[in-house]
Amino acid sequence: MTTDNSARPASFPPIETAGLPFHTAAELGDRWRALMGPLGFSERLVWVGFVDRARALLRPLVQLEVPGPPDPDLAEGLVHLLSEICGRHDVTGSAMLLTRPGVDGIAPWDRGWSRLLHGASERFGLTMEPMFRANAADVVEVPPSVTRRC
């Protein structure tokens, strides 16, 4: 007899691991996964955290609602504010997570926000860790750009 595990909730790391230092994108993904707990989101948000010198994600996190399509002005404004904060505090950069409803893979909305936020981070000199996206299915890294082959 086989067991159907598709309805079982995915396991996630204990919340206590969320503040541990990370040294790879995979470890940062684990930190986000611990912070998110059971997956499932009803609105589109950008979660922002700062990274300290030990490479740990600091709390509290900031949530910004982003219901519409990727917005260059909003991305520029957010990153400008984050760069100002980083310049005044003992942090090395920021980490961001997109959350949204759904169970699909990386969508154009995810890629658009990643591209805009990474681009603005480069212009403002803000160190930005790899971006992740969480939906009801998983937490995955979202590369800032995708190379297309003809």
N, C-alpha and C. Protein backbone atom coordinates (compact mmCIF):
# COMPACT_ATOMS: atom_id res chain seq x y z
N MET A 1 0.84 -1.18 0.00
CA MET A 1 0.00 0.00 0.00
C MET A 1 0.89 1.23 0.00
N THR A 2 0.60 2.19 -0.89
CA THR A 2 1.36 3.43 -0.94
C THR A 2 0.62 4.52 -0.21
N THR A 3 1.38 5.44 0.33
CA THR A 3 0.78 6.57 1.04
C THR A 3 0.88 7.81 0.18
N ASP A 4 -0.20 8.55 0.07
CA ASP A 4 -0.21 9.80 -0.67
C ASP A 4 0.18 10.92 0.28
N ASN A 5 1.39 11.44 0.12
CA ASN A 5 1.88 12.51 0.98
C ASN A 5 1.61 13.90 0.41
N SER A 6 0.92 13.98 -0.72
CA SER A 6 0.72 15.28 -1.36
C SER A 6 -0.11 16.23 -0.51
N ALA A 7 -0.97 15.71 0.36
CA ALA A 7 -1.81 16.58 1.18
C ALA A 7 -1.14 16.96 2.50
N ARG A 8 -0.01 16.34 2.81
CA ARG A 8 0.68 16.64 4.06
C ARG A 8 1.42 17.96 3.92
N PRO A 9 1.41 18.79 4.95
CA PRO A 9 2.15 20.05 4.86
C PRO A 9 3.65 19.77 4.79
N ALA A 10 4.35 20.57 4.03
CA ALA A 10 5.80 20.43 3.91
C ALA A 10 6.44 20.77 5.25
N SER A 11 7.50 20.08 5.56
CA SER A 11 8.20 20.39 6.81
C SER A 11 8.96 21.69 6.64
N PHE A 12 9.19 22.35 7.74
CA PHE A 12 9.96 23.58 7.70
C PHE A 12 10.84 23.64 8.93
N PRO A 13 11.97 24.34 8.80
CA PRO A 13 12.90 24.41 9.93
C PRO A 13 12.26 25.12 11.13
N PRO A 14 12.70 24.80 12.33
CA PRO A 14 12.17 25.48 13.52
C PRO A 14 12.47 26.98 13.47
N ILE A 15 11.58 27.77 14.00
CA ILE A 15 11.73 29.23 13.99
C ILE A 15 13.05 29.66 14.64
N GLU A 16 13.55 28.87 15.59
CA GLU A 16 14.80 29.23 16.27
C GLU A 16 15.99 29.27 15.31
N THR A 17 15.89 28.60 14.17
CA THR A 17 17.00 28.60 13.21
C THR A 17 17.00 29.83 12.32
N ALA A 18 15.93 30.63 12.36
CA ALA A 18 15.82 31.79 11.47
C ALA A 18 16.92 32.82 11.69
N GLY A 19 17.43 32.92 12.91
CA GLY A 19 18.45 33.91 13.22
C GLY A 19 19.87 33.41 13.10
N LEU A 20 20.05 32.17 12.64
CA LEU A 20 21.41 31.64 12.49
C LEU A 20 22.11 32.30 11.30
N PRO A 21 23.43 32.46 11.37
CA PRO A 21 24.17 32.99 10.22
C PRO A 21 23.99 32.08 9.00
N PHE A 22 24.08 32.68 7.82
CA PHE A 22 24.01 31.92 6.58
C PHE A 22 25.22 32.28 5.73
N HIS A 23 25.66 31.32 4.93
CA HIS A 23 26.84 31.54 4.09
C HIS A 23 26.58 31.21 2.63
N THR A 24 25.41 30.65 2.35
CA THR A 24 25.05 30.30 0.98
C THR A 24 23.61 30.72 0.73
N ALA A 25 23.24 30.79 -0.54
CA ALA A 25 21.85 31.10 -0.89
C ALA A 25 20.92 30.03 -0.32
N ALA A 26 21.34 28.78 -0.36
CA ALA A 26 20.50 27.70 0.17
C ALA A 26 20.23 27.89 1.67
N GLU A 27 21.25 28.30 2.41
CA GLU A 27 21.06 28.55 3.84
C GLU A 27 20.14 29.75 4.07
N LEU A 28 20.25 30.79 3.25
CA LEU A 28 19.33 31.92 3.38
C LEU A 28 17.90 31.46 3.08
N GLY A 29 17.74 30.61 2.08
CA GLY A 29 16.42 30.04 1.80
C GLY A 29 15.86 29.30 3.00
N ASP A 30 16.71 28.58 3.71
CA ASP A 30 16.27 27.88 4.92
C ASP A 30 15.83 28.87 6.00
N ARG A 31 16.53 30.00 6.10
CA ARG A 31 16.15 31.02 7.10
C ARG A 31 14.77 31.59 6.77
N TRP A 32 14.55 31.90 5.48
CA TRP A 32 13.23 32.39 5.08
C TRP A 32 12.16 31.34 5.34
N ARG A 33 12.47 30.09 5.05
CA ARG A 33 11.51 29.00 5.25
C ARG A 33 11.12 28.87 6.72
N ALA A 34 12.12 29.02 7.60
CA ALA A 34 11.83 28.96 9.04
C ALA A 34 10.94 30.13 9.46
N LEU A 35 11.19 31.31 8.92
CA LEU A 35 10.39 32.48 9.27
C LEU A 35 8.96 32.39 8.75
N MET A 36 8.77 31.76 7.61
CA MET A 36 7.44 31.70 7.00
C MET A 36 6.55 30.64 7.64
N GLY A 37 7.13 29.59 8.22
CA GLY A 37 6.30 28.54 8.80
C GLY A 37 5.44 27.89 7.73
N PRO A 38 4.22 27.48 8.09
CA PRO A 38 3.34 26.86 7.08
C PRO A 38 3.10 27.84 5.93
N LEU A 39 3.23 27.33 4.70
CA LEU A 39 3.11 28.19 3.53
C LEU A 39 1.65 28.42 3.15
N GLY A 40 1.41 29.54 2.48
CA GLY A 40 0.09 29.93 2.02
C GLY A 40 -0.09 31.41 2.28
N PHE A 41 -0.27 32.18 1.21
CA PHE A 41 -0.31 33.64 1.35
C PHE A 41 -1.50 34.18 0.58
N SER A 42 -2.17 35.17 1.14
CA SER A 42 -3.35 35.74 0.51
C SER A 42 -3.07 37.06 -0.19
N GLU A 43 -1.90 37.63 0.03
CA GLU A 43 -1.58 38.90 -0.61
C GLU A 43 -0.13 38.90 -1.08
N ARG A 44 0.17 39.85 -1.94
CA ARG A 44 1.52 39.97 -2.49
C ARG A 44 2.31 40.96 -1.64
N LEU A 45 3.41 40.47 -1.07
CA LEU A 45 4.24 41.30 -0.20
C LEU A 45 5.71 41.16 -0.56
N VAL A 46 6.47 42.21 -0.27
CA VAL A 46 7.92 42.12 -0.23
C VAL A 46 8.29 42.19 1.24
N TRP A 47 9.01 41.18 1.71
CA TRP A 47 9.52 41.14 3.08
C TRP A 47 10.97 41.58 3.01
N VAL A 48 11.37 42.48 3.90
CA VAL A 48 12.73 43.01 3.90
C VAL A 48 13.34 42.77 5.27
N GLY A 49 14.54 42.25 5.26
CA GLY A 49 15.31 42.09 6.49
C GLY A 49 16.72 42.61 6.26
N PHE A 50 17.37 42.97 7.32
CA PHE A 50 18.76 43.41 7.23
C PHE A 50 19.68 42.29 7.67
N VAL A 51 20.88 42.29 7.12
CA VAL A 51 21.88 41.26 7.40
C VAL A 51 23.00 41.89 8.22
N ASP A 52 23.33 41.25 9.35
CA ASP A 52 24.40 41.79 10.20
C ASP A 52 25.76 41.27 9.77
N ARG A 53 26.80 41.71 10.46
CA ARG A 53 28.18 41.35 10.10
C ARG A 53 28.46 39.85 10.24
N ALA A 54 27.70 39.18 11.09
CA ALA A 54 27.85 37.72 11.26
C ALA A 54 27.10 36.95 10.16
N ARG A 55 26.42 37.68 9.27
CA ARG A 55 25.63 37.13 8.16
C ARG A 55 24.36 36.45 8.67
N ALA A 56 23.75 37.08 9.66
CA ALA A 56 22.46 36.60 10.17
C ALA A 56 21.38 37.60 9.74
N LEU A 57 20.20 37.09 9.50
CA LEU A 57 19.05 37.90 9.13
C LEU A 57 18.44 38.48 10.39
N LEU A 58 18.41 39.80 10.48
CA LEU A 58 17.90 40.47 11.68
C LEU A 58 16.39 40.63 11.62
N ARG A 59 15.78 40.57 12.78
CA ARG A 59 14.36 40.87 12.90
C ARG A 59 14.23 42.12 13.75
N PRO A 60 13.18 42.87 13.64
CA PRO A 60 11.96 42.56 12.91
C PRO A 60 12.13 42.76 11.41
N LEU A 61 11.26 42.10 10.67
CA LEU A 61 11.22 42.24 9.22
C LEU A 61 10.15 43.27 8.87
N VAL A 62 10.35 43.90 7.73
CA VAL A 62 9.39 44.88 7.23
C VAL A 62 8.63 44.23 6.08
N GLN A 63 7.33 44.46 6.03
CA GLN A 63 6.50 43.96 4.94
C GLN A 63 5.94 45.15 4.17
N LEU A 64 6.03 45.07 2.85
CA LEU A 64 5.49 46.11 1.99
C LEU A 64 4.53 45.45 1.00
N GLU A 65 3.29 45.91 0.98
CA GLU A 65 2.31 45.35 0.05
C GLU A 65 2.62 45.83 -1.37
N VAL A 66 2.65 44.88 -2.30
CA VAL A 66 2.92 45.17 -3.72
C VAL A 66 1.88 44.44 -4.58
N PRO A 67 0.63 44.92 -4.58
CA PRO A 67 -0.45 44.19 -5.24
C PRO A 67 -0.39 44.23 -6.76
N GLY A 68 0.20 45.24 -7.33
CA GLY A 68 0.21 45.39 -8.78
C GLY A 68 1.44 44.79 -9.43
N PRO A 69 1.63 45.13 -10.69
CA PRO A 69 2.81 44.64 -11.42
C PRO A 69 4.08 45.27 -10.86
N PRO A 70 5.24 44.68 -11.17
CA PRO A 70 6.51 45.26 -10.72
C PRO A 70 6.58 46.74 -11.10
N ASP A 71 6.94 47.57 -10.13
CA ASP A 71 6.90 49.02 -10.27
C ASP A 71 8.31 49.60 -10.10
N PRO A 72 8.91 50.13 -11.16
CA PRO A 72 10.28 50.67 -11.05
C PRO A 72 10.41 51.78 -10.02
N ASP A 73 9.42 52.67 -9.92
CA ASP A 73 9.51 53.76 -8.95
C ASP A 73 9.45 53.25 -7.51
N LEU A 74 8.60 52.28 -7.27
CA LEU A 74 8.50 51.69 -5.93
C LEU A 74 9.80 50.97 -5.58
N ALA A 75 10.35 50.22 -6.52
CA ALA A 75 11.61 49.52 -6.28
C ALA A 75 12.73 50.51 -5.98
N GLU A 76 12.84 51.57 -6.77
CA GLU A 76 13.87 52.59 -6.54
C GLU A 76 13.70 53.24 -5.17
N GLY A 77 12.47 53.61 -4.82
CA GLY A 77 12.22 54.25 -3.53
C GLY A 77 12.56 53.35 -2.36
N LEU A 78 12.16 52.08 -2.46
CA LEU A 78 12.44 51.13 -1.39
C LEU A 78 13.93 50.94 -1.21
N VAL A 79 14.64 50.72 -2.29
CA VAL A 79 16.08 50.48 -2.19
C VAL A 79 16.82 51.74 -1.72
N HIS A 80 16.38 52.90 -2.16
CA HIS A 80 17.00 54.15 -1.68
C HIS A 80 16.85 54.24 -0.16
N LEU A 81 15.67 53.98 0.35
CA LEU A 81 15.43 54.00 1.80
C LEU A 81 16.30 52.96 2.51
N LEU A 82 16.37 51.75 1.97
CA LEU A 82 17.19 50.70 2.59
C LEU A 82 18.66 51.08 2.60
N SER A 83 19.14 51.69 1.53
CA SER A 83 20.55 52.09 1.50
C SER A 83 20.84 53.16 2.54
N GLU A 84 19.89 54.06 2.76
CA GLU A 84 20.05 55.08 3.81
C GLU A 84 20.11 54.44 5.19
N ILE A 85 19.23 53.48 5.43
CA ILE A 85 19.21 52.79 6.73
C ILE A 85 20.51 52.02 6.94
N CYS A 86 20.96 51.30 5.90
CA CYS A 86 22.20 50.54 6.02
C CYS A 86 23.39 51.46 6.31
N GLY A 87 23.37 52.65 5.73
CA GLY A 87 24.46 53.59 5.96
C GLY A 87 24.51 54.13 7.37
N ARG A 88 23.42 54.02 8.10
CA ARG A 88 23.34 54.58 9.47
C ARG A 88 23.42 53.51 10.56
N HIS A 89 23.39 52.26 10.18
CA HIS A 89 23.37 51.18 11.18
C HIS A 89 24.44 50.15 10.86
N ASP A 90 24.73 49.32 11.82
CA ASP A 90 25.79 48.32 11.69
C ASP A 90 25.25 47.06 11.01
N VAL A 91 24.88 47.22 9.75
CA VAL A 91 24.41 46.09 8.94
C VAL A 91 25.19 46.09 7.63
N THR A 92 25.24 44.93 6.99
CA THR A 92 26.03 44.82 5.76
C THR A 92 25.18 44.86 4.50
N GLY A 93 23.86 44.75 4.63
CA GLY A 93 23.00 44.75 3.45
C GLY A 93 21.61 44.27 3.79
N SER A 94 20.89 43.90 2.75
CA SER A 94 19.50 43.50 2.95
C SER A 94 19.21 42.16 2.28
N ALA A 95 18.13 41.55 2.73
CA ALA A 95 17.63 40.32 2.13
C ALA A 95 16.14 40.53 1.91
N MET A 96 15.63 40.05 0.78
CA MET A 96 14.22 40.24 0.45
C MET A 96 13.56 38.94 0.01
N LEU A 97 12.30 38.85 0.36
CA LEU A 97 11.47 37.70 0.02
C LEU A 97 10.16 38.22 -0.53
N LEU A 98 9.74 37.68 -1.66
CA LEU A 98 8.42 37.97 -2.22
C LEU A 98 7.48 36.87 -1.76
N THR A 99 6.29 37.24 -1.29
CA THR A 99 5.27 36.23 -0.99
C THR A 99 4.03 36.57 -1.80
N ARG A 100 3.34 35.50 -2.24
CA ARG A 100 2.13 35.69 -3.04
C ARG A 100 1.30 34.42 -3.04
N PRO A 101 0.02 34.56 -3.39
CA PRO A 101 -0.81 33.36 -3.51
C PRO A 101 -0.34 32.48 -4.67
N GLY A 102 -0.76 31.24 -4.66
CA GLY A 102 -0.50 30.35 -5.78
C GLY A 102 0.37 29.17 -5.42
N VAL A 103 0.47 28.25 -6.37
CA VAL A 103 1.30 27.06 -6.21
C VAL A 103 2.20 26.86 -7.43
N ASP A 104 2.25 27.85 -8.31
CA ASP A 104 3.03 27.74 -9.53
C ASP A 104 4.51 27.97 -9.27
N GLY A 105 5.30 27.82 -10.32
CA GLY A 105 6.73 28.08 -10.24
C GLY A 105 7.02 29.56 -10.27
N ILE A 106 8.26 29.89 -10.57
CA ILE A 106 8.65 31.30 -10.67
C ILE A 106 7.89 31.93 -11.83
N ALA A 107 7.21 33.02 -11.54
CA ALA A 107 6.36 33.70 -12.51
C ALA A 107 7.01 34.99 -12.99
N PRO A 108 6.52 35.55 -14.09
CA PRO A 108 7.04 36.83 -14.56
C PRO A 108 6.99 37.92 -13.49
N TRP A 109 5.95 37.91 -12.64
CA TRP A 109 5.85 38.88 -11.55
C TRP A 109 7.06 38.76 -10.62
N ASP A 110 7.43 37.53 -10.27
CA ASP A 110 8.58 37.29 -9.39
C ASP A 110 9.86 37.79 -10.05
N ARG A 111 10.04 37.42 -11.31
CA ARG A 111 11.26 37.82 -12.03
C ARG A 111 11.34 39.33 -12.18
N GLY A 112 10.19 39.96 -12.44
CA GLY A 112 10.18 41.41 -12.61
C GLY A 112 10.60 42.14 -11.36
N TRP A 113 10.06 41.73 -10.22
CA TRP A 113 10.45 42.37 -8.96
C TRP A 113 11.92 42.10 -8.64
N SER A 114 12.37 40.88 -8.87
CA SER A 114 13.77 40.55 -8.60
C SER A 114 14.70 41.41 -9.46
N ARG A 115 14.38 41.52 -10.74
CA ARG A 115 15.20 42.33 -11.65
C ARG A 115 15.23 43.79 -11.21
N LEU A 116 14.07 44.37 -10.90
CA LEU A 116 14.01 45.77 -10.50
C LEU A 116 14.74 46.03 -9.18
N LEU A 117 14.53 45.16 -8.20
CA LEU A 117 15.17 45.38 -6.89
C LEU A 117 16.68 45.15 -6.94
N HIS A 118 17.12 44.14 -7.68
CA HIS A 118 18.56 43.94 -7.82
C HIS A 118 19.20 45.10 -8.59
N GLY A 119 18.54 45.56 -9.65
CA GLY A 119 19.07 46.68 -10.42
C GLY A 119 19.18 47.94 -9.58
N ALA A 120 18.14 48.25 -8.81
CA ALA A 120 18.17 49.42 -7.94
C ALA A 120 19.26 49.27 -6.88
N SER A 121 19.43 48.06 -6.35
CA SER A 121 20.48 47.83 -5.35
C SER A 121 21.86 48.12 -5.92
N GLU A 122 22.08 47.72 -7.16
CA GLU A 122 23.37 48.02 -7.80
C GLU A 122 23.57 49.52 -7.94
N ARG A 123 22.54 50.24 -8.37
CA ARG A 123 22.65 51.69 -8.56
C ARG A 123 22.89 52.43 -7.25
N PHE A 124 22.30 51.95 -6.16
CA PHE A 124 22.46 52.62 -4.87
C PHE A 124 23.61 52.05 -4.04
N GLY A 125 24.31 51.05 -4.56
CA GLY A 125 25.43 50.47 -3.83
C GLY A 125 25.00 49.67 -2.60
N LEU A 126 23.80 49.14 -2.63
CA LEU A 126 23.28 48.34 -1.52
C LEU A 126 23.59 46.87 -1.76
N THR A 127 24.21 46.24 -0.80
CA THR A 127 24.43 44.80 -0.91
C THR A 127 23.10 44.10 -0.69
N MET A 128 22.69 43.34 -1.69
CA MET A 128 21.42 42.62 -1.61
C MET A 128 21.70 41.14 -1.77
N GLU A 129 21.23 40.37 -0.83
CA GLU A 129 21.37 38.93 -0.87
C GLU A 129 20.46 38.38 -1.97
N PRO A 130 20.66 37.11 -2.36
CA PRO A 130 19.76 36.51 -3.35
C PRO A 130 18.30 36.64 -2.89
N MET A 131 17.43 36.95 -3.84
CA MET A 131 16.01 37.12 -3.54
C MET A 131 15.30 35.77 -3.63
N PHE A 132 14.30 35.62 -2.77
CA PHE A 132 13.49 34.41 -2.74
C PHE A 132 12.02 34.75 -2.92
N ARG A 133 11.25 33.73 -3.34
CA ARG A 133 9.80 33.84 -3.46
C ARG A 133 9.17 32.69 -2.71
N ALA A 134 8.12 33.01 -1.95
CA ALA A 134 7.35 31.97 -1.26
C ALA A 134 5.90 32.05 -1.72
N ASN A 135 5.33 30.87 -1.99
CA ASN A 135 3.89 30.78 -2.24
C ASN A 135 3.39 29.57 -1.46
N ALA A 136 2.25 29.04 -1.80
CA ALA A 136 1.70 27.92 -1.04
C ALA A 136 2.45 26.62 -1.28
N ALA A 137 3.30 26.58 -2.31
CA ALA A 137 4.01 25.34 -2.64
C ALA A 137 5.43 25.28 -2.10
N ASP A 138 6.16 26.39 -2.17
CA ASP A 138 7.56 26.33 -1.79
C ASP A 138 8.19 27.71 -1.62
N VAL A 139 9.45 27.69 -1.20
CA VAL A 139 10.28 28.89 -1.12
C VAL A 139 11.46 28.63 -2.04
N VAL A 140 11.62 29.49 -3.06
CA VAL A 140 12.67 29.29 -4.05
C VAL A 140 13.40 30.59 -4.34
N GLU A 141 14.65 30.46 -4.75
CA GLU A 141 15.43 31.62 -5.15
C GLU A 141 14.93 32.13 -6.50
N VAL A 142 14.89 33.44 -6.65
CA VAL A 142 14.48 34.06 -7.91
C VAL A 142 15.67 34.83 -8.47
N PRO A 143 16.31 34.30 -9.50
CA PRO A 143 17.45 35.02 -10.10
C PRO A 143 17.00 36.38 -10.62
N PRO A 144 17.89 37.38 -10.60
CA PRO A 144 17.51 38.71 -11.05
C PRO A 144 17.23 38.80 -12.54
N SER A 145 17.78 37.90 -13.32
CA SER A 145 17.53 37.93 -14.76
C SER A 145 17.55 36.50 -15.30
N VAL A 146 16.96 36.34 -16.44
CA VAL A 146 16.92 35.04 -17.08
C VAL A 146 17.49 35.19 -18.48
N THR A 147 18.43 34.34 -18.84
CA THR A 147 18.99 34.37 -20.17
C THR A 147 18.10 33.54 -21.07
N ARG A 148 17.66 34.12 -22.16
CA ARG A 148 16.80 33.40 -23.09
C ARG A 148 17.60 33.01 -24.31
N ARG A 149 17.38 31.83 -24.77
CA ARG A 149 18.04 31.34 -25.98
C ARG A 149 17.05 31.39 -27.13
N CYS A 150 17.55 31.77 -28.29
CA CYS A 150 16.70 31.83 -29.48
C CYS A 150 16.58 30.46 -30.12
